[in-house]
N, C-alpha and C. Protein backbone atom coordinates (compact mmCIF):
# COMPACT_ATOMS: atom_id res chain seq x y z
N MET A 1 0.82 -1.17 0.00
CA MET A 1 0.00 0.00 0.00
C MET A 1 0.87 1.24 0.00
N GLN A 2 0.39 2.31 -0.59
CA GLN A 2 1.13 3.57 -0.58
C GLN A 2 0.39 4.59 0.26
N ASP A 3 1.09 5.30 1.10
CA ASP A 3 0.53 6.42 1.83
C ASP A 3 0.45 7.57 0.85
N GLN A 4 -0.75 8.05 0.50
CA GLN A 4 -0.94 9.02 -0.57
C GLN A 4 -0.22 10.33 -0.30
N GLN A 5 -0.18 10.79 0.95
CA GLN A 5 0.42 12.08 1.23
C GLN A 5 1.92 12.09 1.07
N SER A 6 2.59 11.09 1.55
CA SER A 6 4.05 11.11 1.51
C SER A 6 4.64 10.13 0.51
N ASN A 7 3.79 9.33 -0.13
CA ASN A 7 4.23 8.36 -1.13
C ASN A 7 5.22 7.34 -0.56
N LEU A 8 5.08 7.04 0.74
CA LEU A 8 5.92 6.03 1.38
C LEU A 8 5.16 4.72 1.46
N THR A 9 5.89 3.62 1.42
CA THR A 9 5.27 2.31 1.53
C THR A 9 4.74 2.10 2.95
N GLU A 10 3.54 1.54 3.03
CA GLU A 10 2.92 1.23 4.31
C GLU A 10 2.97 -0.28 4.51
N LYS A 11 3.28 -0.69 5.75
CA LYS A 11 3.28 -2.11 6.08
C LYS A 11 2.55 -2.28 7.40
N ILE A 12 1.70 -3.29 7.47
CA ILE A 12 0.99 -3.60 8.71
C ILE A 12 1.49 -4.95 9.21
N ILE A 13 1.87 -4.97 10.49
CA ILE A 13 2.41 -6.18 11.12
C ILE A 13 1.54 -6.55 12.31
N LEU A 14 1.14 -7.81 12.35
CA LEU A 14 0.38 -8.35 13.47
C LEU A 14 1.34 -9.14 14.35
N GLY A 15 1.44 -8.74 15.61
CA GLY A 15 2.28 -9.45 16.57
C GLY A 15 1.42 -10.29 17.51
N ILE A 16 1.86 -11.51 17.78
CA ILE A 16 1.09 -12.43 18.63
C ILE A 16 1.98 -12.98 19.74
N ASP A 17 1.48 -12.86 20.97
CA ASP A 17 2.11 -13.50 22.13
C ASP A 17 1.16 -14.63 22.54
N PRO A 18 1.40 -15.85 22.03
CA PRO A 18 0.44 -16.93 22.26
C PRO A 18 0.40 -17.36 23.72
N GLY A 19 -0.75 -17.78 24.15
CA GLY A 19 -0.90 -18.28 25.50
C GLY A 19 -2.19 -19.06 25.61
N THR A 20 -2.29 -19.91 26.64
CA THR A 20 -3.51 -20.68 26.84
C THR A 20 -4.35 -20.10 27.97
N ARG A 21 -3.78 -19.20 28.76
CA ARG A 21 -4.55 -18.48 29.78
C ARG A 21 -4.86 -17.08 29.29
N ILE A 22 -3.83 -16.41 28.78
CA ILE A 22 -3.97 -15.07 28.20
C ILE A 22 -3.13 -15.04 26.94
N ALA A 23 -3.73 -14.62 25.84
CA ALA A 23 -3.01 -14.45 24.58
C ALA A 23 -3.03 -12.97 24.23
N GLY A 24 -1.87 -12.44 23.88
CA GLY A 24 -1.78 -11.02 23.55
C GLY A 24 -1.66 -10.82 22.05
N TYR A 25 -2.17 -9.68 21.59
CA TYR A 25 -2.03 -9.32 20.18
C TYR A 25 -1.76 -7.82 20.06
N GLY A 26 -1.05 -7.46 19.02
CA GLY A 26 -0.77 -6.06 18.75
C GLY A 26 -0.65 -5.86 17.25
N VAL A 27 -1.22 -4.78 16.76
CA VAL A 27 -1.18 -4.47 15.33
C VAL A 27 -0.50 -3.11 15.17
N ILE A 28 0.56 -3.08 14.39
CA ILE A 28 1.26 -1.82 14.13
C ILE A 28 1.27 -1.53 12.63
N ARG A 29 1.38 -0.24 12.32
CA ARG A 29 1.52 0.19 10.93
C ARG A 29 2.84 0.94 10.83
N ILE A 30 3.61 0.58 9.81
CA ILE A 30 4.89 1.23 9.54
C ILE A 30 4.73 2.09 8.30
N ILE A 31 5.05 3.37 8.42
CA ILE A 31 5.10 4.27 7.26
C ILE A 31 6.44 4.99 7.34
N GLY A 32 7.34 4.62 6.45
CA GLY A 32 8.69 5.17 6.54
C GLY A 32 9.33 4.74 7.84
N ALA A 33 9.77 5.72 8.65
CA ALA A 33 10.38 5.42 9.95
C ALA A 33 9.35 5.48 11.08
N ARG A 34 8.12 5.87 10.77
CA ARG A 34 7.09 6.03 11.80
C ARG A 34 6.41 4.70 12.11
N ILE A 35 6.19 4.46 13.40
CA ILE A 35 5.47 3.27 13.87
C ILE A 35 4.21 3.74 14.57
N ASP A 36 3.05 3.32 14.05
CA ASP A 36 1.76 3.65 14.67
C ASP A 36 1.15 2.39 15.26
N LEU A 37 0.66 2.49 16.48
CA LEU A 37 -0.05 1.39 17.11
C LEU A 37 -1.51 1.49 16.71
N LEU A 38 -2.01 0.48 15.99
CA LEU A 38 -3.40 0.48 15.54
C LEU A 38 -4.34 -0.15 16.56
N GLN A 39 -3.89 -1.24 17.18
CA GLN A 39 -4.72 -1.89 18.20
C GLN A 39 -3.86 -2.88 18.98
N TYR A 40 -4.18 -3.04 20.25
CA TYR A 40 -3.56 -4.09 21.05
C TYR A 40 -4.55 -4.53 22.11
N GLY A 41 -4.39 -5.76 22.55
CA GLY A 41 -5.31 -6.28 23.55
C GLY A 41 -4.97 -7.71 23.93
N VAL A 42 -5.83 -8.28 24.74
CA VAL A 42 -5.61 -9.65 25.20
C VAL A 42 -6.89 -10.45 25.04
N LEU A 43 -6.71 -11.73 24.91
CA LEU A 43 -7.80 -12.70 24.95
C LEU A 43 -7.66 -13.41 26.28
N LYS A 44 -8.64 -13.26 27.14
CA LYS A 44 -8.62 -13.95 28.44
C LYS A 44 -9.31 -15.28 28.25
N LEU A 45 -8.55 -16.34 28.39
CA LEU A 45 -9.03 -17.68 28.04
C LEU A 45 -9.34 -18.56 29.24
N ASP A 46 -9.07 -18.08 30.46
CA ASP A 46 -9.31 -18.88 31.67
C ASP A 46 -10.76 -19.29 31.83
N LYS A 47 -11.66 -18.46 31.29
CA LYS A 47 -13.09 -18.72 31.50
C LYS A 47 -13.62 -19.88 30.66
N TYR A 48 -12.83 -20.35 29.70
CA TYR A 48 -13.28 -21.43 28.84
C TYR A 48 -12.86 -22.77 29.43
N SER A 49 -13.77 -23.72 29.42
CA SER A 49 -13.56 -24.97 30.14
C SER A 49 -12.63 -25.95 29.43
N SER A 50 -12.64 -25.98 28.10
CA SER A 50 -11.82 -26.98 27.42
C SER A 50 -10.70 -26.33 26.61
N HIS A 51 -9.63 -27.07 26.45
CA HIS A 51 -8.49 -26.59 25.67
C HIS A 51 -8.91 -26.35 24.21
N GLU A 52 -9.76 -27.20 23.70
CA GLU A 52 -10.22 -27.07 22.31
C GLU A 52 -10.97 -25.76 22.10
N LEU A 53 -11.80 -25.39 23.07
CA LEU A 53 -12.56 -24.13 22.97
C LEU A 53 -11.61 -22.93 23.03
N LYS A 54 -10.59 -23.03 23.87
CA LYS A 54 -9.59 -21.96 23.94
C LYS A 54 -8.90 -21.78 22.58
N LEU A 55 -8.53 -22.90 21.95
CA LEU A 55 -7.87 -22.84 20.65
C LEU A 55 -8.79 -22.22 19.60
N LYS A 56 -10.07 -22.57 19.65
CA LYS A 56 -11.04 -21.99 18.70
C LYS A 56 -11.15 -20.49 18.90
N LYS A 57 -11.17 -20.03 20.15
CA LYS A 57 -11.27 -18.60 20.44
C LYS A 57 -10.03 -17.85 19.92
N ILE A 58 -8.85 -18.47 20.07
CA ILE A 58 -7.63 -17.85 19.54
C ILE A 58 -7.73 -17.74 18.03
N PHE A 59 -8.09 -18.83 17.38
CA PHE A 59 -8.20 -18.84 15.91
C PHE A 59 -9.21 -17.79 15.44
N ASP A 60 -10.37 -17.74 16.10
CA ASP A 60 -11.41 -16.79 15.70
C ASP A 60 -10.95 -15.35 15.85
N ARG A 61 -10.29 -15.03 16.97
CA ARG A 61 -9.86 -13.63 17.21
C ARG A 61 -8.77 -13.22 16.24
N ILE A 62 -7.81 -14.11 15.98
CA ILE A 62 -6.74 -13.78 15.03
C ILE A 62 -7.34 -13.59 13.64
N THR A 63 -8.30 -14.43 13.28
CA THR A 63 -8.98 -14.29 11.99
C THR A 63 -9.69 -12.94 11.89
N GLN A 64 -10.35 -12.52 12.97
CA GLN A 64 -11.01 -11.21 12.99
C GLN A 64 -10.00 -10.08 12.79
N LEU A 65 -8.89 -10.16 13.48
CA LEU A 65 -7.85 -9.13 13.35
C LEU A 65 -7.31 -9.07 11.92
N ILE A 66 -7.12 -10.25 11.33
CA ILE A 66 -6.63 -10.31 9.94
C ILE A 66 -7.64 -9.67 9.00
N GLU A 67 -8.92 -9.98 9.19
CA GLU A 67 -9.96 -9.40 8.33
C GLU A 67 -10.07 -7.89 8.51
N GLU A 68 -9.88 -7.41 9.74
CA GLU A 68 -10.02 -5.98 10.01
C GLU A 68 -8.82 -5.16 9.54
N PHE A 69 -7.61 -5.66 9.78
CA PHE A 69 -6.42 -4.86 9.52
C PHE A 69 -5.63 -5.28 8.28
N LEU A 70 -5.92 -6.44 7.71
CA LEU A 70 -5.21 -6.94 6.53
C LEU A 70 -3.69 -6.83 6.66
N PRO A 71 -3.13 -7.49 7.68
CA PRO A 71 -1.68 -7.38 7.89
C PRO A 71 -0.89 -7.97 6.73
N ASP A 72 0.28 -7.36 6.49
CA ASP A 72 1.18 -7.85 5.46
C ASP A 72 2.00 -9.03 5.98
N GLU A 73 2.28 -9.02 7.28
CA GLU A 73 3.12 -10.06 7.89
C GLU A 73 2.66 -10.29 9.32
N MET A 74 2.98 -11.47 9.84
CA MET A 74 2.69 -11.79 11.23
C MET A 74 3.97 -12.22 11.92
N ALA A 75 4.17 -11.71 13.12
CA ALA A 75 5.31 -12.11 13.94
C ALA A 75 4.75 -12.76 15.20
N VAL A 76 5.32 -13.88 15.57
CA VAL A 76 4.82 -14.63 16.73
C VAL A 76 6.00 -15.03 17.60
N GLU A 77 5.74 -15.05 18.91
CA GLU A 77 6.80 -15.45 19.82
C GLU A 77 6.89 -16.97 19.87
N ASP A 78 8.11 -17.47 19.78
CA ASP A 78 8.37 -18.90 19.94
C ASP A 78 8.00 -19.30 21.36
N PRO A 79 7.41 -20.47 21.54
CA PRO A 79 7.21 -20.94 22.91
C PRO A 79 8.58 -21.16 23.56
N PHE A 80 8.73 -20.70 24.78
CA PHE A 80 10.00 -20.93 25.48
C PHE A 80 9.95 -22.29 26.13
N TYR A 81 11.10 -22.86 26.35
CA TYR A 81 11.17 -24.21 26.90
C TYR A 81 11.08 -24.16 28.42
N GLY A 82 10.02 -24.74 28.94
CA GLY A 82 9.82 -24.78 30.38
C GLY A 82 10.03 -26.19 30.91
N LYS A 83 9.75 -26.34 32.17
CA LYS A 83 9.95 -27.64 32.80
C LYS A 83 8.77 -28.57 32.60
N ASN A 84 7.60 -28.01 32.28
CA ASN A 84 6.39 -28.81 32.18
C ASN A 84 6.08 -29.11 30.71
N PRO A 85 6.28 -30.36 30.28
CA PRO A 85 6.02 -30.71 28.87
C PRO A 85 4.56 -30.51 28.46
N GLN A 86 3.63 -30.73 29.38
CA GLN A 86 2.21 -30.55 29.07
C GLN A 86 1.91 -29.07 28.76
N SER A 87 2.50 -28.17 29.52
CA SER A 87 2.33 -26.73 29.28
C SER A 87 2.92 -26.35 27.93
N MET A 88 4.07 -26.91 27.62
CA MET A 88 4.72 -26.63 26.33
C MET A 88 3.85 -27.10 25.17
N LEU A 89 3.26 -28.26 25.31
CA LEU A 89 2.39 -28.80 24.27
C LEU A 89 1.19 -27.88 24.05
N LYS A 90 0.56 -27.44 25.13
CA LYS A 90 -0.60 -26.55 25.02
C LYS A 90 -0.21 -25.21 24.42
N LEU A 91 0.92 -24.68 24.82
CA LEU A 91 1.40 -23.40 24.29
C LEU A 91 1.71 -23.53 22.80
N GLY A 92 2.31 -24.65 22.41
CA GLY A 92 2.60 -24.90 20.99
C GLY A 92 1.34 -24.98 20.16
N ARG A 93 0.29 -25.56 20.74
CA ARG A 93 -0.99 -25.63 20.03
C ARG A 93 -1.58 -24.23 19.86
N ALA A 94 -1.48 -23.40 20.90
CA ALA A 94 -1.99 -22.02 20.82
C ALA A 94 -1.25 -21.25 19.73
N GLN A 95 0.06 -21.42 19.68
CA GLN A 95 0.85 -20.78 18.63
C GLN A 95 0.42 -21.32 17.26
N GLY A 96 0.20 -22.62 17.18
CA GLY A 96 -0.17 -23.25 15.91
C GLY A 96 -1.48 -22.74 15.35
N VAL A 97 -2.50 -22.56 16.20
CA VAL A 97 -3.78 -22.09 15.66
C VAL A 97 -3.69 -20.63 15.24
N ALA A 98 -2.89 -19.83 15.95
CA ALA A 98 -2.67 -18.44 15.53
C ALA A 98 -1.99 -18.41 14.17
N MET A 99 -1.00 -19.27 14.01
CA MET A 99 -0.28 -19.34 12.73
C MET A 99 -1.20 -19.86 11.62
N ALA A 100 -2.07 -20.81 11.94
CA ALA A 100 -2.98 -21.35 10.94
C ALA A 100 -3.92 -20.27 10.40
N ALA A 101 -4.34 -19.36 11.27
CA ALA A 101 -5.21 -18.26 10.83
C ALA A 101 -4.48 -17.40 9.80
N ALA A 102 -3.19 -17.14 10.03
CA ALA A 102 -2.40 -16.35 9.08
C ALA A 102 -2.11 -17.14 7.81
N LEU A 103 -1.77 -18.41 7.96
CA LEU A 103 -1.48 -19.24 6.79
C LEU A 103 -2.71 -19.38 5.89
N ASN A 104 -3.88 -19.38 6.51
CA ASN A 104 -5.13 -19.48 5.76
C ASN A 104 -5.31 -18.29 4.82
N ARG A 105 -4.65 -17.18 5.13
CA ARG A 105 -4.73 -15.97 4.29
C ARG A 105 -3.40 -15.68 3.58
N ASN A 106 -2.51 -16.66 3.57
CA ASN A 106 -1.19 -16.53 2.91
C ASN A 106 -0.37 -15.36 3.45
N ILE A 107 -0.46 -15.14 4.74
CA ILE A 107 0.33 -14.09 5.39
C ILE A 107 1.63 -14.70 5.87
N PRO A 108 2.77 -14.14 5.46
CA PRO A 108 4.06 -14.67 5.92
C PRO A 108 4.19 -14.54 7.44
N ILE A 109 4.81 -15.55 8.04
CA ILE A 109 4.97 -15.61 9.50
C ILE A 109 6.45 -15.75 9.83
N VAL A 110 6.88 -15.00 10.85
CA VAL A 110 8.24 -15.13 11.36
C VAL A 110 8.14 -15.30 12.87
N GLU A 111 8.96 -16.20 13.41
CA GLU A 111 8.97 -16.47 14.84
C GLU A 111 10.21 -15.86 15.47
N TYR A 112 10.05 -15.35 16.69
CA TYR A 112 11.15 -14.76 17.44
C TYR A 112 11.16 -15.31 18.85
N SER A 113 12.35 -15.53 19.38
CA SER A 113 12.47 -15.98 20.76
C SER A 113 12.17 -14.81 21.69
N PRO A 114 11.71 -15.09 22.92
CA PRO A 114 11.46 -14.01 23.87
C PRO A 114 12.70 -13.14 24.10
N LYS A 115 13.87 -13.76 24.14
CA LYS A 115 15.12 -13.03 24.36
C LYS A 115 15.40 -12.06 23.21
N THR A 116 15.15 -12.51 21.97
CA THR A 116 15.37 -11.65 20.80
C THR A 116 14.43 -10.46 20.82
N VAL A 117 13.17 -10.70 21.20
CA VAL A 117 12.19 -9.61 21.26
C VAL A 117 12.64 -8.58 22.30
N LYS A 118 12.98 -9.05 23.49
CA LYS A 118 13.39 -8.13 24.56
C LYS A 118 14.65 -7.37 24.18
N MET A 119 15.60 -8.06 23.57
CA MET A 119 16.85 -7.42 23.15
C MET A 119 16.58 -6.35 22.09
N SER A 120 15.69 -6.64 21.16
CA SER A 120 15.38 -5.70 20.08
C SER A 120 14.72 -4.43 20.59
N VAL A 121 13.86 -4.58 21.59
CA VAL A 121 13.08 -3.42 22.07
C VAL A 121 13.79 -2.66 23.19
N THR A 122 14.45 -3.40 24.10
CA THR A 122 15.04 -2.73 25.27
C THR A 122 16.56 -2.72 25.27
N GLY A 123 17.17 -3.58 24.46
CA GLY A 123 18.62 -3.71 24.52
C GLY A 123 19.07 -4.70 25.58
N ASN A 124 18.11 -5.32 26.29
CA ASN A 124 18.41 -6.27 27.36
C ASN A 124 17.56 -7.52 27.15
N GLY A 125 18.19 -8.63 26.83
CA GLY A 125 17.48 -9.88 26.58
C GLY A 125 16.79 -10.47 27.80
N ASN A 126 17.09 -9.93 28.99
CA ASN A 126 16.46 -10.41 30.22
C ASN A 126 15.50 -9.38 30.81
N ALA A 127 15.06 -8.43 30.02
CA ALA A 127 14.18 -7.37 30.51
C ALA A 127 12.86 -7.96 31.00
N SER A 128 12.25 -7.29 31.97
CA SER A 128 10.94 -7.70 32.48
C SER A 128 9.84 -7.20 31.54
N LYS A 129 8.64 -7.73 31.71
CA LYS A 129 7.50 -7.27 30.93
C LYS A 129 7.27 -5.77 31.15
N GLU A 130 7.46 -5.32 32.38
CA GLU A 130 7.28 -3.90 32.70
C GLU A 130 8.32 -3.04 31.98
N GLN A 131 9.55 -3.51 31.91
CA GLN A 131 10.60 -2.76 31.19
C GLN A 131 10.29 -2.69 29.70
N VAL A 132 9.77 -3.79 29.13
CA VAL A 132 9.39 -3.81 27.72
C VAL A 132 8.29 -2.79 27.48
N ALA A 133 7.25 -2.79 28.34
CA ALA A 133 6.13 -1.85 28.19
C ALA A 133 6.62 -0.41 28.30
N PHE A 134 7.51 -0.14 29.25
CA PHE A 134 8.04 1.22 29.42
C PHE A 134 8.78 1.67 28.16
N MET A 135 9.60 0.80 27.59
CA MET A 135 10.35 1.15 26.39
C MET A 135 9.41 1.35 25.20
N LEU A 136 8.34 0.56 25.11
CA LEU A 136 7.38 0.73 24.03
C LEU A 136 6.72 2.10 24.08
N GLU A 137 6.44 2.59 25.30
CA GLU A 137 5.86 3.93 25.42
C GLU A 137 6.78 4.98 24.82
N SER A 138 8.07 4.78 25.00
CA SER A 138 9.05 5.70 24.43
C SER A 138 9.10 5.58 22.90
N ILE A 139 9.09 4.36 22.41
CA ILE A 139 9.15 4.12 20.96
C ILE A 139 7.90 4.66 20.26
N LEU A 140 6.73 4.38 20.87
CA LEU A 140 5.45 4.76 20.25
C LEU A 140 5.01 6.18 20.60
N LYS A 141 5.69 6.77 21.60
CA LYS A 141 5.37 8.13 22.06
C LYS A 141 3.91 8.24 22.51
N MET A 142 3.50 7.25 23.31
CA MET A 142 2.15 7.24 23.86
C MET A 142 2.10 6.34 25.08
N PRO A 143 1.18 6.62 26.02
CA PRO A 143 1.05 5.74 27.19
C PRO A 143 0.33 4.45 26.80
N LEU A 144 0.69 3.37 27.48
CA LEU A 144 0.06 2.07 27.27
C LEU A 144 -0.57 1.61 28.58
N GLN A 145 -1.58 0.77 28.48
CA GLN A 145 -2.28 0.29 29.67
C GLN A 145 -1.42 -0.76 30.39
N PRO A 146 -1.04 -0.51 31.64
CA PRO A 146 -0.16 -1.44 32.35
C PRO A 146 -0.77 -2.81 32.62
N GLU A 147 -2.10 -2.91 32.62
CA GLU A 147 -2.73 -4.20 32.90
C GLU A 147 -2.68 -5.13 31.70
N TYR A 148 -2.20 -4.65 30.57
CA TYR A 148 -2.15 -5.46 29.35
C TYR A 148 -0.72 -5.86 28.98
N LEU A 149 0.02 -6.43 29.91
CA LEU A 149 1.42 -6.76 29.63
C LEU A 149 1.58 -7.83 28.57
N ASP A 150 0.61 -8.74 28.42
CA ASP A 150 0.69 -9.72 27.34
C ASP A 150 0.45 -9.04 25.99
N ALA A 151 -0.38 -8.00 26.00
CA ALA A 151 -0.62 -7.24 24.77
C ALA A 151 0.61 -6.41 24.41
N THR A 152 1.25 -5.80 25.41
CA THR A 152 2.45 -5.01 25.09
C THR A 152 3.57 -5.94 24.63
N ASP A 153 3.60 -7.16 25.14
CA ASP A 153 4.57 -8.13 24.62
C ASP A 153 4.31 -8.40 23.14
N ALA A 154 3.04 -8.50 22.76
CA ALA A 154 2.69 -8.75 21.36
C ALA A 154 3.09 -7.56 20.48
N VAL A 155 2.91 -6.34 21.00
CA VAL A 155 3.35 -5.15 20.26
C VAL A 155 4.87 -5.19 20.10
N ALA A 156 5.56 -5.58 21.16
CA ALA A 156 7.03 -5.69 21.10
C ALA A 156 7.46 -6.71 20.05
N ILE A 157 6.72 -7.80 19.92
CA ILE A 157 7.03 -8.83 18.91
C ILE A 157 6.90 -8.24 17.51
N ALA A 158 5.83 -7.46 17.29
CA ALA A 158 5.63 -6.81 15.98
C ALA A 158 6.75 -5.81 15.70
N ILE A 159 7.12 -5.03 16.69
CA ILE A 159 8.19 -4.03 16.51
C ILE A 159 9.53 -4.74 16.29
N CYS A 160 9.77 -5.82 17.02
CA CYS A 160 10.99 -6.62 16.81
C CYS A 160 11.06 -7.06 15.35
N HIS A 161 9.93 -7.51 14.83
CA HIS A 161 9.91 -7.94 13.44
C HIS A 161 10.22 -6.78 12.49
N HIS A 162 9.66 -5.64 12.78
CA HIS A 162 9.97 -4.45 11.97
C HIS A 162 11.48 -4.18 11.99
N TYR A 163 12.08 -4.26 13.15
CA TYR A 163 13.53 -4.02 13.27
C TYR A 163 14.34 -5.09 12.55
N HIS A 164 13.78 -6.28 12.40
CA HIS A 164 14.45 -7.37 11.69
C HIS A 164 13.76 -7.59 10.34
N ALA A 165 13.49 -6.51 9.64
CA ALA A 165 12.68 -6.57 8.41
C ALA A 165 13.21 -7.55 7.39
N ASN A 166 14.47 -7.86 7.41
CA ASN A 166 15.03 -8.79 6.44
C ASN A 166 14.93 -10.23 6.89
N ALA A 167 14.13 -10.48 7.94
CA ALA A 167 14.02 -11.83 8.48
C ALA A 167 13.26 -12.78 7.55
N LEU A 168 12.41 -12.23 6.69
CA LEU A 168 11.70 -13.11 5.76
C LEU A 168 12.67 -13.58 4.69
N PRO A 169 12.91 -14.89 4.60
CA PRO A 169 13.89 -15.38 3.64
C PRO A 169 13.42 -15.19 2.20
N SER A 170 14.34 -14.78 1.37
CA SER A 170 14.01 -14.64 -0.05
C SER A 170 14.05 -16.00 -0.73
N ALA A 171 13.45 -16.09 -1.89
CA ALA A 171 13.45 -17.34 -2.64
C ALA A 171 14.88 -17.75 -2.98
N ALA A 172 15.71 -16.75 -3.31
CA ALA A 172 17.11 -17.04 -3.63
C ALA A 172 17.85 -17.62 -2.43
N ALA A 173 17.58 -17.07 -1.25
CA ALA A 173 18.26 -17.57 -0.05
C ALA A 173 17.84 -19.00 0.24
N LYS A 174 16.57 -19.32 0.01
CA LYS A 174 16.10 -20.68 0.25
C LYS A 174 16.81 -21.66 -0.68
N LYS A 175 17.00 -21.26 -1.93
CA LYS A 175 17.64 -22.15 -2.90
C LYS A 175 19.09 -22.40 -2.54
N LYS A 176 19.73 -21.42 -1.89
CA LYS A 176 21.13 -21.57 -1.51
C LYS A 176 21.30 -22.38 -0.23
N GLY A 177 20.18 -22.86 0.31
CA GLY A 177 20.28 -23.70 1.51
C GLY A 177 20.30 -22.92 2.80
N ALA A 178 19.69 -21.74 2.80
CA ALA A 178 19.62 -20.95 4.02
C ALA A 178 18.83 -21.72 5.07
N LYS A 179 19.02 -21.34 6.32
CA LYS A 179 18.34 -22.02 7.41
C LYS A 179 16.83 -22.02 7.19
N LYS A 180 16.25 -23.20 7.29
CA LYS A 180 14.81 -23.32 7.16
C LYS A 180 14.20 -23.17 8.53
N GLY A 181 12.96 -22.69 8.57
CA GLY A 181 12.32 -22.59 9.87
C GLY A 181 10.90 -22.11 9.78
N GLY A 182 10.13 -22.48 10.76
CA GLY A 182 8.77 -22.00 10.87
C GLY A 182 7.80 -22.76 9.99
N TRP A 183 6.54 -22.55 10.31
CA TRP A 183 5.47 -23.22 9.58
C TRP A 183 5.35 -22.72 8.16
N SER A 184 5.55 -21.41 7.94
CA SER A 184 5.39 -20.88 6.59
C SER A 184 6.41 -21.51 5.64
N ALA A 185 7.62 -21.74 6.12
CA ALA A 185 8.63 -22.40 5.29
C ALA A 185 8.21 -23.83 4.98
N PHE A 186 7.69 -24.53 5.99
CA PHE A 186 7.24 -25.90 5.78
C PHE A 186 6.13 -25.95 4.74
N VAL A 187 5.14 -25.05 4.87
CA VAL A 187 4.01 -25.04 3.95
C VAL A 187 4.47 -24.75 2.53
N SER A 188 5.35 -23.76 2.38
CA SER A 188 5.79 -23.41 1.01
C SER A 188 6.63 -24.52 0.39
N GLU A 189 7.33 -25.29 1.22
CA GLU A 189 8.17 -26.37 0.69
C GLU A 189 7.41 -27.68 0.54
N ASN A 190 6.22 -27.78 1.14
CA ASN A 190 5.46 -29.03 1.11
C ASN A 190 3.98 -28.77 0.81
N PRO A 191 3.66 -28.12 -0.30
CA PRO A 191 2.25 -27.79 -0.57
C PRO A 191 1.35 -29.03 -0.70
N ASN A 192 1.92 -30.14 -1.12
CA ASN A 192 1.12 -31.37 -1.30
C ASN A 192 0.76 -32.02 0.04
N ARG A 193 1.36 -31.60 1.14
CA ARG A 193 1.08 -32.20 2.43
C ARG A 193 0.01 -31.44 3.22
N ILE A 194 -0.48 -30.33 2.65
CA ILE A 194 -1.50 -29.52 3.31
C ILE A 194 -2.85 -29.85 2.70
N LYS A 195 -3.82 -30.13 3.55
CA LYS A 195 -5.17 -30.47 3.05
C LYS A 195 -6.15 -29.39 3.43
């Protein structure tokens, strides 16, 4: 898209902080060097009784966001490795349904580790959620709601992706044997395995 007034390219990035209790989302628009926050929020999933219903709610909300904002790209946080394998499995499923919503619309997806996101936004890979939110207020030049730390994490994921704009591998890089990764790479390399 072109911004008519300044003739600069516009890009919309959807950031997702997947979770099975609380899932955060943030939508930013990039015009030149300017970053605008279009929307951020959380999905509170504790009230739903089954894991399947939680996954459906995540898929439905991400689909709504995609339909409303038509993002060019999606950035999602990699699940971090914890001590509880059951929690990791559930978190991976939450990430998977969010990614499926984007893949359903052919939106490229890039994954970032929590450390990479924190390092990109604050300069400290061990920053707290509060430190990330504080730094985002400086970057966006606006106050953010402190009760939405999962949402500010999602905004940070989107901004991290903007800062790593070259993270989407080119077709030439793939042919040269560049590191493969993520669901979008799998889907593009295995179209016959998707039903």
